[in-house]
Amino acid sequence: MNVGMVFAIIFAVIVIVFVLAFGMDSITRFFCYSSETQTQKAINDIKAQVEEIYVWSEGAGKSHTLLIPSDNKFCFVDPSNPEPNTARGWDPDEIIQDMIMEKSYNLWYFHCLGQSGYNIPHLKTASNFCIKSGVELYMQNNGDHVGIEIIR
């Protein structure tokens, strides 16, 4: 092997190390976009289900299987009382509780880029709970809001 080839290989290794070291955040974000798209679709599905059930007669409801990425977690929260419910997977710190009350978020979700809140109009839960993908939920028109609970 000649000297030029050795320097080319060393240079290529150095460039690869720099790309991995300084580009890892970008690479992670790139792969995270697919998960984020699925998460947003799940939120839009819940929102559409709630809007549909809200116009039905009081007492009417239906089940919905929630499909979210496996590394995500959705928490349905009463924004007026976001107290922890560790038995049902909801254990926020005080900062998150304050943010939920201030912004009236009734959905708090954990995703690959961190955690975020969302307000789905007319949705209300009787007790705070968290779920992962594949869980079946029951949504029912309760007159002035749509209630949500876990079936299994």
C-alpha atoms as a PDB file:
ATOM      1  CA  MET A   1       0.000   0.000   0.000  1.00  0.00           C
ATOM      2  CA  ASN A   2       1.408   3.388  -0.888  1.00  0.00           C
ATOM      3  CA  VAL A   3       1.611   6.381   1.442  1.00  0.00           C
ATOM      4  CA  GLY A   4      -1.162   8.312  -0.358  1.00  0.00           C
ATOM      5  CA  MET A   5      -3.621   5.457   0.169  1.00  0.00           C
ATOM      6  CA  VAL A   6      -2.807   5.271   3.911  1.00  0.00           C
ATOM      7  CA  PHE A   7      -3.439   9.002   4.328  1.00  0.00           C
ATOM      8  CA  ALA A   8      -6.707   8.712   2.353  1.00  0.00           C
ATOM      9  CA  ILE A   9      -7.941   5.929   4.636  1.00  0.00           C
ATOM     10  CA  ILE A  10      -6.957   7.851   7.771  1.00  0.00           C
ATOM     11  CA  PHE A  11      -8.658  10.986   6.425  1.00  0.00           C
ATOM     12  CA  ALA A  12     -11.821   9.000   5.595  1.00  0.00           C
ATOM     13  CA  VAL A  13     -11.931   7.509   9.107  1.00  0.00           C
ATOM     14  CA  ILE A  14     -11.523  10.961  10.666  1.00  0.00           C
ATOM     15  CA  VAL A  15     -14.331  12.388   8.504  1.00  0.00           C
ATOM     16  CA  ILE A  16     -16.631   9.491   9.420  1.00  0.00           C
ATOM     17  CA  VAL A  17     -15.921   9.984  13.128  1.00  0.00           C
ATOM     18  CA  PHE A  18     -16.714  13.708  12.872  1.00  0.00           C
ATOM     19  CA  VAL A  19     -19.932  13.040  10.964  1.00  0.00           C
ATOM     20  CA  LEU A  20     -21.067  10.530  13.578  1.00  0.00           C
ATOM     21  CA  ALA A  21     -19.967  12.657  16.522  1.00  0.00           C
ATOM     22  CA  PHE A  22     -21.492  15.932  15.386  1.00  0.00           C
ATOM     23  CA  GLY A  23     -24.307  14.615  13.219  1.00  0.00           C
ATOM     24  CA  MET A  24     -25.801  12.070  15.615  1.00  0.00           C
ATOM     25  CA  ASP A  25     -28.503  14.502  16.746  1.00  0.00           C
ATOM     26  CA  SER A  26     -29.518  15.103  13.129  1.00  0.00           C
ATOM     27  CA  ILE A  27     -29.499  11.386  12.385  1.00  0.00           C
ATOM     28  CA  THR A  28     -31.661  10.689  15.445  1.00  0.00           C
ATOM     29  CA  ARG A  29     -34.108  13.429  14.476  1.00  0.00           C
ATOM     30  CA  PHE A  30     -34.333  12.051  10.941  1.00  0.00           C
ATOM     31  CA  PHE A  31     -35.414   8.630  12.199  1.00  0.00           C
ATOM     32  CA  CYS A  32     -37.689  10.258  14.764  1.00  0.00           C
ATOM     33  CA  TYR A  33     -39.786  12.030  12.109  1.00  0.00           C
ATOM     34  CA  SER A  34     -41.525   8.786  11.138  1.00  0.00           C
ATOM     35  CA  SER A  35     -42.494   8.195  14.759  1.00  0.00           C
ATOM     36  CA  GLU A  36     -43.653  11.795  15.132  1.00  0.00           C
ATOM     37  CA  THR A  37     -45.858  11.443  12.052  1.00  0.00           C
ATOM     38  CA  GLN A  38     -47.522   8.357  13.539  1.00  0.00           C
ATOM     39  CA  THR A  39     -47.974  10.166  16.847  1.00  0.00           C
ATOM     40  CA  GLN A  40     -49.651  13.145  15.187  1.00  0.00           C
ATOM     41  CA  LYS A  41     -51.907  10.793  13.217  1.00  0.00           C
ATOM     42  CA  ALA A  42     -52.978   9.094  16.470  1.00  0.00           C
ATOM     43  CA  ILE A  43     -53.789  12.491  18.019  1.00  0.00           C
ATOM     44  CA  ASN A  44     -55.806  13.483  14.946  1.00  0.00           C
ATOM     45  CA  ASP A  45     -57.664  10.135  15.084  1.00  0.00           C
ATOM     46  CA  ILE A  46     -58.611  10.708  18.732  1.00  0.00           C
ATOM     47  CA  LYS A  47     -59.673  14.268  17.970  1.00  0.00           C
ATOM     48  CA  ALA A  48     -61.858  13.082  15.047  1.00  0.00           C
ATOM     49  CA  GLN A  49     -63.434  10.363  17.217  1.00  0.00           C
ATOM     50  CA  VAL A  50     -64.229  12.866  19.969  1.00  0.00           C
ATOM     51  CA  GLU A  51     -65.752  15.331  17.488  1.00  0.00           C
ATOM     52  CA  GLU A  52     -67.882  12.546  16.020  1.00  0.00           C
ATOM     53  CA  ILE A  53     -69.105  11.259  19.397  1.00  0.00           C
ATOM     54  CA  TYR A  54     -69.729  14.786  20.735  1.00  0.00           C
ATOM     55  CA  VAL A  55     -72.565  15.337  18.229  1.00  0.00           C
ATOM     56  CA  TRP A  56     -74.229  12.003  19.054  1.00  0.00           C
ATOM     57  CA  SER A  57     -76.992  11.751  21.628  1.00  0.00           C
ATOM     58  CA  GLU A  58     -76.059  11.650  25.296  1.00  0.00           C
ATOM     59  CA  GLY A  59     -75.022   8.189  26.444  1.00  0.00           C
ATOM     60  CA  ALA A  60     -73.879   7.038  22.994  1.00  0.00           C
ATOM     61  CA  GLY A  61     -70.311   5.889  22.646  1.00  0.00           C
ATOM     62  CA  LYS A  62     -67.899   3.560  20.941  1.00  0.00           C
ATOM     63  CA  SER A  63     -64.560   1.886  21.408  1.00  0.00           C
ATOM     64  CA  HIS A  64     -61.362   2.913  19.672  1.00  0.00           C
ATOM     65  CA  THR A  65     -58.060   1.049  19.538  1.00  0.00           C
ATOM     66  CA  LEU A  66     -55.225   3.507  19.880  1.00  0.00           C
ATOM     67  CA  LEU A  67     -52.194   2.800  17.702  1.00  0.00           C
ATOM     68  CA  ILE A  68     -49.129   4.827  18.577  1.00  0.00           C
ATOM     69  CA  PRO A  69     -45.407   4.123  18.141  1.00  0.00           C
ATOM     70  CA  SER A  70     -44.117   1.587  20.658  1.00  0.00           C
ATOM     71  CA  ASP A  71     -41.739   4.062  22.320  1.00  0.00           C
ATOM     72  CA  ASN A  72     -44.540   6.581  22.971  1.00  0.00           C
ATOM     73  CA  LYS A  73     -46.977   6.947  25.845  1.00  0.00           C
ATOM     74  CA  PHE A  74     -50.242   8.903  25.870  1.00  0.00           C
ATOM     75  CA  CYS A  75     -51.649  10.244  29.131  1.00  0.00           C
ATOM     76  CA  PHE A  76     -55.220  11.498  29.388  1.00  0.00           C
ATOM     77  CA  VAL A  77     -55.438  14.134  32.084  1.00  0.00           C
ATOM     78  CA  ASP A  78     -58.048  16.292  33.780  1.00  0.00           C
ATOM     79  CA  PRO A  79     -56.513  19.772  33.307  1.00  0.00           C
ATOM     80  CA  SER A  80     -58.276  21.094  36.401  1.00  0.00           C
ATOM     81  CA  ASN A  81     -56.714  18.304  38.504  1.00  0.00           C
ATOM     82  CA  PRO A  82     -53.517  16.873  36.950  1.00  0.00           C
ATOM     83  CA  GLU A  83     -52.507  15.197  40.223  1.00  0.00           C
ATOM     84  CA  PRO A  84     -50.433  11.999  39.956  1.00  0.00           C
ATOM     85  CA  ASN A  85     -52.205   8.673  39.643  1.00  0.00           C
ATOM     86  CA  THR A  86     -49.271   6.276  39.853  1.00  0.00           C
ATOM     87  CA  ALA A  87     -51.547   3.224  39.849  1.00  0.00           C
ATOM     88  CA  ARG A  88     -52.583   4.172  36.316  1.00  0.00           C
ATOM     89  CA  GLY A  89     -49.137   5.297  35.086  1.00  0.00           C
ATOM     90  CA  TRP A  90     -49.515   9.070  35.528  1.00  0.00           C
ATOM     91  CA  ASP A  91     -46.680  10.532  37.635  1.00  0.00           C
ATOM     92  CA  PRO A  92     -45.827  14.107  36.521  1.00  0.00           C
ATOM     93  CA  ASP A  93     -43.641  16.603  38.311  1.00  0.00           C
ATOM     94  CA  GLU A  94     -45.028  19.947  39.519  1.00  0.00           C
ATOM     95  CA  ILE A  95     -43.773  21.847  36.468  1.00  0.00           C
ATOM     96  CA  ILE A  96     -45.732  19.596  34.114  1.00  0.00           C
ATOM     97  CA  GLN A  97     -48.817  19.812  36.341  1.00  0.00           C
ATOM     98  CA  ASP A  98     -48.624  23.621  36.289  1.00  0.00           C
ATOM     99  CA  MET A  99     -48.182  23.656  32.507  1.00  0.00           C
ATOM    100  CA  ILE A 100     -51.188  21.349  32.038  1.00  0.00           C
ATOM    101  CA  MET A 101     -53.388  23.562  34.221  1.00  0.00           C
ATOM    102  CA  GLU A 102     -52.172  26.759  32.535  1.00  0.00           C
ATOM    103  CA  LYS A 103     -52.631  25.502  28.946  1.00  0.00           C
ATOM    104  CA  SER A 104     -55.675  23.253  29.679  1.00  0.00           C
ATOM    105  CA  TYR A 105     -54.008  20.215  28.117  1.00  0.00           C
ATOM    106  CA  ASN A 106     -56.072  17.053  28.428  1.00  0.00           C
ATOM    107  CA  LEU A 107     -53.540  14.915  26.556  1.00  0.00           C
ATOM    108  CA  TRP A 108     -49.905  14.707  27.623  1.00  0.00           C
ATOM    109  CA  TYR A 109     -47.701  12.500  25.499  1.00  0.00           C
ATOM    110  CA  PHE A 110     -44.162  11.199  25.632  1.00  0.00           C
ATOM    111  CA  HIS A 111     -42.403  10.835  22.279  1.00  0.00           C
ATOM    112  CA  CYS A 112     -38.912  10.410  20.854  1.00  0.00           C
ATOM    113  CA  LEU A 113     -38.173  14.153  20.998  1.00  0.00           C
ATOM    114  CA  GLY A 114     -39.409  14.598  24.582  1.00  0.00           C
ATOM    115  CA  GLN A 115     -42.885  15.316  25.908  1.00  0.00           C
ATOM    116  CA  SER A 116     -45.693  17.605  24.830  1.00  0.00           C
ATOM    117  CA  GLY A 117     -49.240  18.576  25.656  1.00  0.00           C
ATOM    118  CA  TYR A 118     -52.332  18.892  23.511  1.00  0.00           C
ATOM    119  CA  ASN A 119     -55.880  20.079  24.118  1.00  0.00           C
ATOM    120  CA  ILE A 120     -58.591  17.996  22.457  1.00  0.00           C
ATOM    121  CA  PRO A 121     -61.855  19.973  22.591  1.00  0.00           C
ATOM    122  CA  HIS A 122     -64.757  18.371  24.498  1.00  0.00           C
ATOM    123  CA  LEU A 123     -62.616  15.494  25.870  1.00  0.00           C
ATOM    124  CA  LYS A 124     -62.613  14.837  29.608  1.00  0.00           C
ATOM    125  CA  THR A 125     -61.412  11.941  31.717  1.00  0.00           C
ATOM    126  CA  ALA A 126     -62.752  10.909  35.101  1.00  0.00           C
ATOM    127  CA  SER A 127     -59.283   9.919  36.334  1.00  0.00           C
ATOM    128  CA  ASN A 128     -55.812  10.564  34.964  1.00  0.00           C
ATOM    129  CA  PHE A 129     -54.252   7.576  33.180  1.00  0.00           C
ATOM    130  CA  CYS A 130     -51.517   6.660  30.705  1.00  0.00           C
ATOM    131  CA  ILE A 131     -51.483   4.084  27.933  1.00  0.00           C
ATOM    132  CA  LYS A 132     -49.198   2.550  25.329  1.00  0.00           C
ATOM    133  CA  SER A 133     -50.042   1.335  21.818  1.00  0.00           C
ATOM    134  CA  GLY A 134     -52.764  -1.207  21.151  1.00  0.00           C
ATOM    135  CA  VAL A 135     -54.946  -0.239  24.093  1.00  0.00           C
ATOM    136  CA  GLU A 136     -58.677  -0.164  23.532  1.00  0.00           C
ATOM    137  CA  LEU A 137     -60.431   2.958  24.770  1.00  0.00           C
ATOM    138  CA  TYR A 138     -64.126   3.668  25.225  1.00  0.00           C
ATOM    139  CA  MET A 139     -65.423   7.159  24.469  1.00  0.00           C
ATOM    140  CA  GLN A 140     -68.931   8.192  25.458  1.00  0.00           C
ATOM    141  CA  ASN A 141     -71.005  11.334  25.010  1.00  0.00           C
ATOM    142  CA  ASN A 142     -71.719  12.652  28.508  1.00  0.00           C
ATOM    143  CA  GLY A 143     -73.752  15.668  27.420  1.00  0.00           C
ATOM    144  CA  ASP A 144     -71.349  18.586  27.725  1.00  0.00           C
ATOM    145  CA  HIS A 145     -68.226  16.489  27.067  1.00  0.00           C
ATOM    146  CA  VAL A 146     -66.924  13.174  25.779  1.00  0.00           C
ATOM    147  CA  GLY A 147     -65.608  10.894  28.496  1.00  0.00           C
ATOM    148  CA  ILE A 148     -62.746   8.494  27.886  1.00  0.00           C
ATOM    149  CA  GLU A 149     -61.671   5.351  29.731  1.00  0.00           C
ATOM    150  CA  ILE A 150     -59.640   2.184  29.190  1.00  0.00           C
ATOM    151  CA  ILE A 151     -61.488  -0.981  28.198  1.00  0.00           C
ATOM    152  CA  ARG A 152     -58.418  -3.228  28.180  1.00  0.00           C
END
